[in-house]
Amino acid sequence: ALKLLNDKGEFINGENGAEVLALAENEDFNYAEVDDLG
């Protein structure tokens, strides 16, 4: 599994989780160009 944490190191709340699920459903992603990779 992937368990998701916010910047306090705590599990994200229900509202945030629903937003993440919606992004996954729509595959609404914009990946970085080669000079900007993490």
PDB file of all heavy atoms in Angstrom:
ATOM      1  N   ALA A   1       0.830  -1.206   0.000  1.00  0.00           N
ATOM      2  CA  ALA A   1       0.000   0.000   0.000  1.00  0.00           C
ATOM      3  C   ALA A   1       0.861   1.250   0.000  1.00  0.00           C
ATOM      4  O   ALA A   1       2.041   1.211   0.351  1.00  0.00           O
ATOM      5  CB  ALA A   1      -0.912   0.002   1.231  1.00  0.00           C
ATOM      6  N   LEU A   2       0.240   2.358  -0.399  1.00  0.00           N
ATOM      7  CA  LEU A   2       0.844   3.683  -0.286  1.00  0.00           C
ATOM      8  C   LEU A   2       0.016   4.458   0.733  1.00  0.00           C
ATOM      9  O   LEU A   2      -1.186   4.666   0.531  1.00  0.00           O
ATOM     10  CB  LEU A   2       0.805   4.436  -1.624  1.00  0.00           C
ATOM     11  CG  LEU A   2       1.807   4.070  -2.717  1.00  0.00           C
ATOM     12  CD1 LEU A   2       1.555   2.676  -3.265  1.00  0.00           C
ATOM     13  CD2 LEU A   2       1.718   5.092  -3.853  1.00  0.00           C
ATOM     14  N   LYS A   3       0.642   4.832   1.851  1.00  0.00           N
ATOM     15  CA  LYS A   3      -0.047   5.653   2.860  1.00  0.00           C
ATOM     16  C   LYS A   3       0.521   7.065   2.789  1.00  0.00           C
ATOM     17  O   LYS A   3       1.743   7.246   2.760  1.00  0.00           O
ATOM     18  CB  LYS A   3       0.169   5.066   4.256  1.00  0.00           C
ATOM     19  CG  LYS A   3      -0.500   3.714   4.457  1.00  0.00           C
ATOM     20  CD  LYS A   3      -0.305   3.275   5.895  1.00  0.00           C
ATOM     21  CE  LYS A   3      -1.044   1.982   6.182  1.00  0.00           C
ATOM     22  NZ  LYS A   3      -0.864   1.555   7.582  1.00  0.00           N
ATOM     23  N   LEU A   4      -0.353   8.052   2.809  1.00  0.00           N
ATOM     24  CA  LEU A   4       0.024   9.416   2.443  1.00  0.00           C
ATOM     25  C   LEU A   4       0.082  10.342   3.656  1.00  0.00           C
ATOM     26  O   LEU A   4      -0.855  10.403   4.453  1.00  0.00           O
ATOM     27  CB  LEU A   4      -0.989   9.954   1.427  1.00  0.00           C
ATOM     28  CG  LEU A   4      -1.283   8.997   0.251  1.00  0.00           C
ATOM     29  CD1 LEU A   4      -2.372   9.557  -0.641  1.00  0.00           C
ATOM     30  CD2 LEU A   4      -0.013   8.714  -0.549  1.00  0.00           C
ATOM     31  N   LEU A   5       1.176  11.089   3.762  1.00  0.00           N
ATOM     32  CA  LEU A   5       1.393  11.987   4.900  1.00  0.00           C
ATOM     33  C   LEU A   5       1.507  13.435   4.448  1.00  0.00           C
ATOM     34  O   LEU A   5       2.065  13.727   3.384  1.00  0.00           O
ATOM     35  CB  LEU A   5       2.702  11.623   5.617  1.00  0.00           C
ATOM     36  CG  LEU A   5       2.864  10.200   6.144  1.00  0.00           C
ATOM     37  CD1 LEU A   5       4.274  10.022   6.704  1.00  0.00           C
ATOM     38  CD2 LEU A   5       1.823   9.890   7.208  1.00  0.00           C
ATOM     39  N   ASN A   6       1.010  14.355   5.298  1.00  0.00           N
ATOM     40  CA  ASN A   6       1.182  15.783   5.045  1.00  0.00           C
ATOM     41  C   ASN A   6       2.529  16.265   5.587  1.00  0.00           C
ATOM     42  O   ASN A   6       3.351  15.463   6.036  1.00  0.00           O
ATOM     43  CB  ASN A   6       0.002  16.584   5.634  1.00  0.00           C
ATOM     44  CG  ASN A   6      -0.083  16.441   7.161  1.00  0.00           C
ATOM     45  OD1 ASN A   6       0.900  16.114   7.834  1.00  0.00           O
ATOM     46  ND2 ASN A   6      -1.250  16.687   7.716  1.00  0.00           N
ATOM     47  N   ASP A   7       2.740  17.585   5.591  1.00  0.00           N
ATOM     48  CA  ASP A   7       4.057  18.104   5.995  1.00  0.00           C
ATOM     49  C   ASP A   7       4.306  18.012   7.506  1.00  0.00           C
ATOM     50  O   ASP A   7       5.422  18.257   7.964  1.00  0.00           O
ATOM     51  CB  ASP A   7       4.264  19.540   5.493  1.00  0.00           C
ATOM     52  CG  ASP A   7       3.173  20.501   5.949  1.00  0.00           C
ATOM     53  OD1 ASP A   7       2.274  20.068   6.712  1.00  0.00           O
ATOM     54  OD2 ASP A   7       3.199  21.675   5.544  1.00  0.00           O
ATOM     55  N   LYS A   8       3.276  17.655   8.275  1.00  0.00           N
ATOM     56  CA  LYS A   8       3.488  17.426   9.714  1.00  0.00           C
ATOM     57  C   LYS A   8       3.829  15.964   9.987  1.00  0.00           C
ATOM     58  O   LYS A   8       4.004  15.558  11.139  1.00  0.00           O
ATOM     59  CB  LYS A   8       2.219  17.779  10.490  1.00  0.00           C
ATOM     60  CG  LYS A   8       1.820  19.245  10.429  1.00  0.00           C
ATOM     61  CD  LYS A   8       0.691  19.491  11.433  1.00  0.00           C
ATOM     62  CE  LYS A   8       0.216  20.921  11.383  1.00  0.00           C
ATOM     63  NZ  LYS A   8      -1.062  21.094  10.707  1.00  0.00           N
ATOM     64  N   GLY A   9       3.852  15.131   8.928  1.00  0.00           N
ATOM     65  CA  GLY A   9       4.085  13.705   9.120  1.00  0.00           C
ATOM     66  C   GLY A   9       2.844  12.996   9.629  1.00  0.00           C
ATOM     67  O   GLY A   9       2.940  11.933  10.248  1.00  0.00           O
ATOM     68  N   GLU A  10       1.665  13.570   9.366  1.00  0.00           N
ATOM     69  CA  GLU A  10       0.392  12.969   9.781  1.00  0.00           C
ATOM     70  C   GLU A  10      -0.393  12.561   8.548  1.00  0.00           C
ATOM     71  O   GLU A  10      -0.238  13.140   7.472  1.00  0.00           O
ATOM     72  CB  GLU A  10      -0.411  13.989  10.608  1.00  0.00           C
ATOM     73  CG  GLU A  10       0.291  14.383  11.895  1.00  0.00           C
ATOM     74  CD  GLU A  10      -0.294  15.640  12.531  1.00  0.00           C
ATOM     75  OE1 GLU A  10      -1.419  16.034  12.150  1.00  0.00           O
ATOM     76  OE2 GLU A  10       0.378  16.231  13.399  1.00  0.00           O
ATOM     77  N   PHE A  11      -1.276  11.563   8.711  1.00  0.00           N
ATOM     78  CA  PHE A  11      -2.072  11.110   7.573  1.00  0.00           C
ATOM     79  C   PHE A  11      -2.939  12.247   7.046  1.00  0.00           C
ATOM     80  O   PHE A  11      -3.505  13.027   7.830  1.00  0.00           O
ATOM     81  CB  PHE A  11      -2.948   9.917   7.960  1.00  0.00           C
ATOM     82  CG  PHE A  11      -2.163   8.648   8.162  1.00  0.00           C
ATOM     83  CD1 PHE A  11      -2.157   7.990   9.377  1.00  0.00           C
ATOM     84  CD2 PHE A  11      -1.408   8.116   7.131  1.00  0.00           C
ATOM     85  CE1 PHE A  11      -1.412   6.845   9.571  1.00  0.00           C
ATOM     86  CE2 PHE A  11      -0.653   6.960   7.306  1.00  0.00           C
ATOM     87  CZ  PHE A  11      -0.656   6.321   8.526  1.00  0.00           C
ATOM     88  N   ILE A  12      -3.021  12.358   5.726  1.00  0.00           N
ATOM     89  CA  ILE A  12      -3.860  13.411   5.140  1.00  0.00           C
ATOM     90  C   ILE A  12      -5.319  13.160   5.516  1.00  0.00           C
ATOM     91  O   ILE A  12      -5.720  12.028   5.758  1.00  0.00           O
ATOM     92  CB  ILE A  12      -3.689  13.506   3.605  1.00  0.00           C
ATOM     93  CG1 ILE A  12      -4.130  12.221   2.907  1.00  0.00           C
ATOM     94  CG2 ILE A  12      -2.255  13.841   3.242  1.00  0.00           C
ATOM     95  CD1 ILE A  12      -4.185  12.330   1.390  1.00  0.00           C
ATOM     96  N   ASN A  13      -6.107  14.232   5.582  1.00  0.00           N
ATOM     97  CA  ASN A  13      -7.503  14.081   6.010  1.00  0.00           C
ATOM     98  C   ASN A  13      -8.407  13.640   4.855  1.00  0.00           C
ATOM     99  O   ASN A  13      -7.964  13.519   3.704  1.00  0.00           O
ATOM    100  CB  ASN A  13      -8.011  15.367   6.662  1.00  0.00           C
ATOM    101  CG  ASN A  13      -8.071  16.539   5.684  1.00  0.00           C
ATOM    102  OD1 ASN A  13      -8.276  16.374   4.484  1.00  0.00           O
ATOM    103  ND2 ASN A  13      -7.893  17.741   6.206  1.00  0.00           N
ATOM    104  N   GLY A  14      -9.659  13.413   5.171  1.00  0.00           N
ATOM    105  CA  GLY A  14     -10.609  12.871   4.194  1.00  0.00           C
ATOM    106  C   GLY A  14     -10.792  13.751   2.982  1.00  0.00           C
ATOM    107  O   GLY A  14     -10.839  13.278   1.844  1.00  0.00           O
ATOM    108  N   GLU A  15     -10.878  15.054   3.225  1.00  0.00           N
ATOM    109  CA  GLU A  15     -11.084  16.004   2.118  1.00  0.00           C
ATOM    110  C   GLU A  15      -9.894  15.966   1.163  1.00  0.00           C
ATOM    111  O   GLU A  15     -10.050  15.902  -0.062  1.00  0.00           O
ATOM    112  CB  GLU A  15     -11.225  17.401   2.730  1.00  0.00           C
ATOM    113  CG  GLU A  15     -11.745  18.455   1.781  1.00  0.00           C
ATOM    114  CD  GLU A  15     -11.763  19.824   2.468  1.00  0.00           C
ATOM    115  OE1 GLU A  15     -12.041  19.883   3.691  1.00  0.00           O
ATOM    116  OE2 GLU A  15     -11.468  20.806   1.783  1.00  0.00           O
ATOM    117  N   ASN A  16      -8.679  15.991   1.735  1.00  0.00           N
ATOM    118  CA  ASN A  16      -7.468  15.922   0.907  1.00  0.00           C
ATOM    119  C   ASN A  16      -7.389  14.606   0.148  1.00  0.00           C
ATOM    120  O   ASN A  16      -7.047  14.567  -1.039  1.00  0.00           O
ATOM    121  CB  ASN A  16      -6.217  16.063   1.779  1.00  0.00           C
ATOM    122  CG  ASN A  16      -6.130  17.379   2.526  1.00  0.00           C
ATOM    123  OD1 ASN A  16      -5.450  17.478   3.527  1.00  0.00           O
ATOM    124  ND2 ASN A  16      -6.832  18.395   2.053  1.00  0.00           N
ATOM    125  N   GLY A  17      -7.725  13.515   0.843  1.00  0.00           N
ATOM    126  CA  GLY A  17      -7.694  12.189   0.219  1.00  0.00           C
ATOM    127  C   GLY A  17      -8.637  12.105  -0.971  1.00  0.00           C
ATOM    128  O   GLY A  17      -8.297  11.522  -2.011  1.00  0.00           O
ATOM    129  N   ALA A  18      -9.815  12.713  -0.828  1.00  0.00           N
ATOM    130  CA  ALA A  18     -10.791  12.707  -1.932  1.00  0.00           C
ATOM    131  C   ALA A  18     -10.246  13.466  -3.136  1.00  0.00           C
ATOM    132  O   ALA A  18     -10.442  13.058  -4.293  1.00  0.00           O
ATOM    133  CB  ALA A  18     -12.105  13.323  -1.457  1.00  0.00           C
ATOM    134  N   GLU A  19      -9.518  14.554  -2.876  1.00  0.00           N
ATOM    135  CA  GLU A  19      -8.918  15.330  -3.981  1.00  0.00           C
ATOM    136  C   GLU A  19      -7.841  14.512  -4.694  1.00  0.00           C
ATOM    137  O   GLU A  19      -7.734  14.544  -5.926  1.00  0.00           O
ATOM    138  CB  GLU A  19      -8.318  16.633  -3.435  1.00  0.00           C
ATOM    139  CG  GLU A  19      -9.375  17.632  -2.972  1.00  0.00           C
ATOM    140  CD  GLU A  19      -8.787  18.767  -2.132  1.00  0.00           C
ATOM    141  OE1 GLU A  19      -7.541  18.857  -2.013  1.00  0.00           O
ATOM    142  OE2 GLU A  19      -9.582  19.569  -1.595  1.00  0.00           O
ATOM    143  N   VAL A  20      -7.041  13.767  -3.927  1.00  0.00           N
ATOM    144  CA  VAL A  20      -6.003  12.913  -4.526  1.00  0.00           C
ATOM    145  C   VAL A  20      -6.651  11.825  -5.389  1.00  0.00           C
ATOM    146  O   VAL A  20      -6.209  11.553  -6.518  1.00  0.00           O
ATOM    147  CB  VAL A  20      -5.104  12.277  -3.432  1.00  0.00           C
ATOM    148  CG1 VAL A  20      -4.138  11.268  -4.041  1.00  0.00           C
ATOM    149  CG2 VAL A  20      -4.333  13.347  -2.675  1.00  0.00           C
ATOM    150  N   LEU A  21      -7.729  11.204  -4.877  1.00  0.00           N
ATOM    151  CA  LEU A  21      -8.435  10.163  -5.634  1.00  0.00           C
ATOM    152  C   LEU A  21      -8.986  10.713  -6.954  1.00  0.00           C
ATOM    153  O   LEU A  21      -8.920  10.050  -7.993  1.00  0.00           O
ATOM    154  CB  LEU A  21      -9.584   9.573  -4.799  1.00  0.00           C
ATOM    155  CG  LEU A  21      -9.199   8.670  -3.627  1.00  0.00           C
ATOM    156  CD1 LEU A  21     -10.441   8.266  -2.835  1.00  0.00           C
ATOM    157  CD2 LEU A  21      -8.464   7.423  -4.090  1.00  0.00           C
ATOM    158  N   ALA A  22      -9.504  11.937  -6.902  1.00  0.00           N
ATOM    159  CA  ALA A  22     -10.059  12.550  -8.121  1.00  0.00           C
ATOM    160  C   ALA A  22      -8.958  12.790  -9.152  1.00  0.00           C
ATOM    161  O   ALA A  22      -9.146  12.545 -10.360  1.00  0.00           O
ATOM    162  CB  ALA A  22     -10.764  13.862  -7.769  1.00  0.00           C
ATOM    163  N   LEU A  23      -7.801  13.257  -8.698  1.00  0.00           N
ATOM    164  CA  LEU A  23      -6.671  13.466  -9.622  1.00  0.00           C
ATOM    165  C   LEU A  23      -6.242  12.142 -10.257  1.00  0.00           C
ATOM    166  O   LEU A  23      -5.934  12.079 -11.450  1.00  0.00           O
ATOM    167  CB  LEU A  23      -5.487  14.083  -8.873  1.00  0.00           C
ATOM    168  CG  LEU A  23      -5.579  15.565  -8.527  1.00  0.00           C
ATOM    169  CD1 LEU A  23      -4.499  15.952  -7.523  1.00  0.00           C
ATOM    170  CD2 LEU A  23      -5.437  16.421  -9.791  1.00  0.00           C
ATOM    171  N   ALA A  24      -6.214  11.073  -9.446  1.00  0.00           N
ATOM    172  CA  ALA A  24      -5.821   9.752  -9.963  1.00  0.00           C
ATOM    173  C   ALA A  24      -6.824   9.285 -11.021  1.00  0.00           C
ATOM    174  O   ALA A  24      -6.438   8.746 -12.067  1.00  0.00           O
ATOM    175  CB  ALA A  24      -5.734   8.749  -8.824  1.00  0.00           C
ATOM    176  N   GLU A  25      -8.109   9.496 -10.715  1.00  0.00           N
ATOM    177  CA  GLU A  25      -9.183   9.066 -11.628  1.00  0.00           C
ATOM    178  C   GLU A  25      -9.056   9.759 -12.986  1.00  0.00           C
ATOM    179  O   GLU A  25      -9.188   9.147 -14.032  1.00  0.00           O
ATOM    180  CB  GLU A  25     -10.538   9.415 -10.976  1.00  0.00           C
ATOM    181  CG  GLU A  25     -11.738   8.748 -11.605  1.00  0.00           C
ATOM    182  CD  GLU A  25     -11.723   7.226 -11.464  1.00  0.00           C
ATOM    183  OE1 GLU A  25     -11.226   6.706 -10.442  1.00  0.00           O
ATOM    184  OE2 GLU A  25     -12.184   6.583 -12.411  1.00  0.00           O
ATOM    185  N   ASN A  26      -8.753  11.064 -12.955  1.00  0.00           N
ATOM    186  CA  ASN A  26      -8.693  11.850 -14.204  1.00  0.00           C
ATOM    187  C   ASN A  26      -7.315  11.795 -14.869  1.00  0.00           C
ATOM    188  O   ASN A  26      -7.146  12.294 -15.980  1.00  0.00           O
ATOM    189  CB  ASN A  26      -9.042  13.321 -13.911  1.00  0.00           C
ATOM    190  CG  ASN A  26     -10.448  13.445 -13.375  1.00  0.00           C
ATOM    191  OD1 ASN A  26     -11.325  12.683 -13.752  1.00  0.00           O
ATOM    192  ND2 ASN A  26     -10.667  14.395 -12.476  1.00  0.00           N
ATOM    193  N   GLU A  27      -6.337  11.203 -14.182  1.00  0.00           N
ATOM    194  CA  GLU A  27      -4.951  11.151 -14.690  1.00  0.00           C
ATOM    195  C   GLU A  27      -4.488  12.528 -15.142  1.00  0.00           C
ATOM    196  O   GLU A  27      -3.897  12.694 -16.213  1.00  0.00           O
ATOM    197  CB  GLU A  27      -4.823  10.100 -15.801  1.00  0.00           C
ATOM    198  CG  GLU A  27      -5.160   8.703 -15.304  1.00  0.00           C
ATOM    199  CD  GLU A  27      -4.823   7.602 -16.301  1.00  0.00           C
ATOM    200  OE1 GLU A  27      -4.127   7.883 -17.298  1.00  0.00           O
ATOM    201  OE2 GLU A  27      -5.236   6.453 -16.057  1.00  0.00           O
ATOM    202  N   ASP A  28      -4.752  13.506 -14.284  1.00  0.00           N
ATOM    203  CA  ASP A  28      -4.478  14.898 -14.625  1.00  0.00           C
ATOM    204  C   ASP A  28      -3.083  15.273 -14.127  1.00  0.00           C
ATOM    205  O   ASP A  28      -2.928  15.996 -13.148  1.00  0.00           O
ATOM    206  CB  ASP A  28      -5.572  15.759 -13.957  1.00  0.00           C
ATOM    207  CG  ASP A  28      -5.494  17.209 -14.397  1.00  0.00           C
ATOM    208  OD1 ASP A  28      -4.726  17.493 -15.328  1.00  0.00           O
ATOM    209  OD2 ASP A  28      -6.183  18.051 -13.795  1.00  0.00           O
ATOM    210  N   PHE A  29      -2.054  14.760 -14.817  1.00  0.00           N
ATOM    211  CA  PHE A  29      -0.681  14.943 -14.362  1.00  0.00           C
ATOM    212  C   PHE A  29       0.123  15.721 -15.396  1.00  0.00           C
ATOM    213  O   PHE A  29      -0.110  15.603 -16.593  1.00  0.00           O
ATOM    214  CB  PHE A  29       0.020  13.593 -14.132  1.00  0.00           C
ATOM    215  CG  PHE A  29      -0.833  12.554 -13.444  1.00  0.00           C
ATOM    216  CD1 PHE A  29      -0.958  11.274 -13.968  1.00  0.00           C
ATOM    217  CD2 PHE A  29      -1.522  12.859 -12.277  1.00  0.00           C
ATOM    218  CE1 PHE A  29      -1.743  10.317 -13.341  1.00  0.00           C
ATOM    219  CE2 PHE A  29      -2.308  11.919 -11.640  1.00  0.00           C
ATOM    220  CZ  PHE A  29      -2.433  10.647 -12.188  1.00  0.00           C
ATOM    221  N   ASN A  30       1.130  16.475 -14.906  1.00  0.00           N
ATOM    222  CA  ASN A  30       2.013  17.212 -15.799  1.00  0.00           C
ATOM    223  C   ASN A  30       3.442  16.976 -15.323  1.00  0.00           C
ATOM    224  O   ASN A  30       3.864  17.518 -14.305  1.00  0.00           O
ATOM    225  CB  ASN A  30       1.629  18.709 -15.739  1.00  0.00           C
ATOM    226  CG  ASN A  30       2.386  19.508 -16.779  1.00  0.00           C
ATOM    227  OD1 ASN A  30       2.976  18.943 -17.704  1.00  0.00           O
ATOM    228  ND2 ASN A  30       2.397  20.819 -16.615  1.00  0.00           N
ATOM    229  N   TYR A  31       4.166  16.135 -16.038  1.00  0.00           N
ATOM    230  CA  TYR A  31       5.500  15.737 -15.592  1.00  0.00           C
ATOM    231  C   TYR A  31       6.559  16.777 -15.965  1.00  0.00           C
ATOM    232  O   TYR A  31       6.376  17.584 -16.880  1.00  0.00           O
ATOM    233  CB  TYR A  31       5.856  14.360 -16.169  1.00  0.00           C
ATOM    234  CG  TYR A  31       4.936  13.266 -15.659  1.00  0.00           C
ATOM    235  CD1 TYR A  31       3.885  12.782 -16.428  1.00  0.00           C
ATOM    236  CD2 TYR A  31       5.098  12.751 -14.371  1.00  0.00           C
ATOM    237  CE1 TYR A  31       3.023  11.802 -15.947  1.00  0.00           C
ATOM    238  CE2 TYR A  31       4.250  11.774 -13.875  1.00  0.00           C
ATOM    239  CZ  TYR A  31       3.204  11.304 -14.674  1.00  0.00           C
ATOM    240  OH  TYR A  31       2.354  10.344 -14.184  1.00  0.00           O
ATOM    241  N   ALA A  32       7.673  16.742 -15.240  1.00  0.00           N
ATOM    242  CA  ALA A  32       8.727  17.748 -15.391  1.00  0.00           C
ATOM    243  C   ALA A  32       9.566  17.491 -16.635  1.00  0.00           C
ATOM    244  O   ALA A  32       9.724  16.344 -17.080  1.00  0.00           O
ATOM    245  CB  ALA A  32       9.625  17.726 -14.157  1.00  0.00           C
ATOM    246  N   GLU A  33      10.129  18.575 -17.156  1.00  0.00           N
ATOM    247  CA  GLU A  33      11.072  18.447 -18.278  1.00  0.00           C
ATOM    248  C   GLU A  33      12.430  18.004 -17.745  1.00  0.00           C
ATOM    249  O   GLU A  33      12.685  18.053 -16.542  1.00  0.00           O
ATOM    250  CB  GLU A  33      11.157  19.784 -19.027  1.00  0.00           C
ATOM    251  CG  GLU A  33       9.825  20.096 -19.719  1.00  0.00           C
ATOM    252  CD  GLU A  33       9.855  21.369 -20.530  1.00  0.00           C
ATOM    253  OE1 GLU A  33      10.965  21.889 -20.785  1.00  0.00           O
ATOM    254  OE2 GLU A  33       8.763  21.837 -20.899  1.00  0.00           O
ATOM    255  N   VAL A  34      13.302  17.617 -18.653  1.00  0.00           N
ATOM    256  CA  VAL A  34      14.516  16.894 -18.259  1.00  0.00           C
ATOM    257  C   VAL A  34      15.410  17.684 -17.291  1.00  0.00           C
ATOM    258  O   VAL A  34      16.021  17.110 -16.392  1.00  0.00           O
ATOM    259  CB  VAL A  34      15.298  16.410 -19.508  1.00  0.00           C
ATOM    260  CG1 VAL A  34      15.938  17.571 -20.270  1.00  0.00           C
ATOM    261  CG2 VAL A  34      16.339  15.372 -19.112  1.00  0.00           C
ATOM    262  N   ASP A  35      15.474  19.015 -17.449  1.00  0.00           N
ATOM    263  CA  ASP A  35      16.330  19.796 -16.546  1.00  0.00           C
ATOM    264  C   ASP A  35      15.706  20.000 -15.169  1.00  0.00           C
ATOM    265  O   ASP A  35      16.364  20.499 -14.250  1.00  0.00           O
ATOM    266  CB  ASP A  35      16.624  21.173 -17.170  1.00  0.00           C
ATOM    267  CG  ASP A  35      17.519  21.052 -18.398  1.00  0.00           C
ATOM    268  OD1 ASP A  35      18.343  20.124 -18.419  1.00  0.00           O
ATOM    269  OD2 ASP A  35      17.382  21.878 -19.314  1.00  0.00           O
ATOM    270  N   ASP A  36      14.436  19.655 -15.035  1.00  0.00           N
ATOM    271  CA  ASP A  36      13.703  19.925 -13.785  1.00  0.00           C
ATOM    272  C   ASP A  36      13.338  18.668 -13.006  1.00  0.00           C
ATOM    273  O   ASP A  36      12.503  18.719 -12.094  1.00  0.00           O
ATOM    274  CB  ASP A  36      12.419  20.707 -14.101  1.00  0.00           C
ATOM    275  CG  ASP A  36      12.706  22.023 -14.789  1.00  0.00           C
ATOM    276  OD1 ASP A  36      13.681  22.677 -14.397  1.00  0.00           O
ATOM    277  OD2 ASP A  36      11.958  22.388 -15.726  1.00  0.00           O
ATOM    278  N   LEU A  37      13.928  17.526 -13.366  1.00  0.00           N
ATOM    279  CA  LEU A  37      13.607  16.289 -12.652  1.00  0.00           C
ATOM    280  C   LEU A  37      14.029  16.393 -11.184  1.00  0.00           C
ATOM    281  O   LEU A  37      14.988  17.084 -10.845  1.00  0.00           O
ATOM    282  CB  LEU A  37      14.319  15.095 -13.305  1.00  0.00           C
ATOM    283  CG  LEU A  37      13.877  14.766 -14.733  1.00  0.00           C
ATOM    284  CD1 LEU A  37      14.766  13.666 -15.321  1.00  0.00           C
ATOM    285  CD2 LEU A  37      12.420  14.332 -14.782  1.00  0.00           C
ATOM    286  N   GLY A  38      13.312  15.689 -10.328  1.00  0.00           N
ATOM    287  CA  GLY A  38      13.619  15.732  -8.896  1.00  0.00           C
ATOM    288  C   GLY A  38      14.889  14.979  -8.563  1.00  0.00           C
ATOM    289  O   GLY A  38      15.300  14.063  -9.284  1.00  0.00           O
TER     290      GLY A  38
END
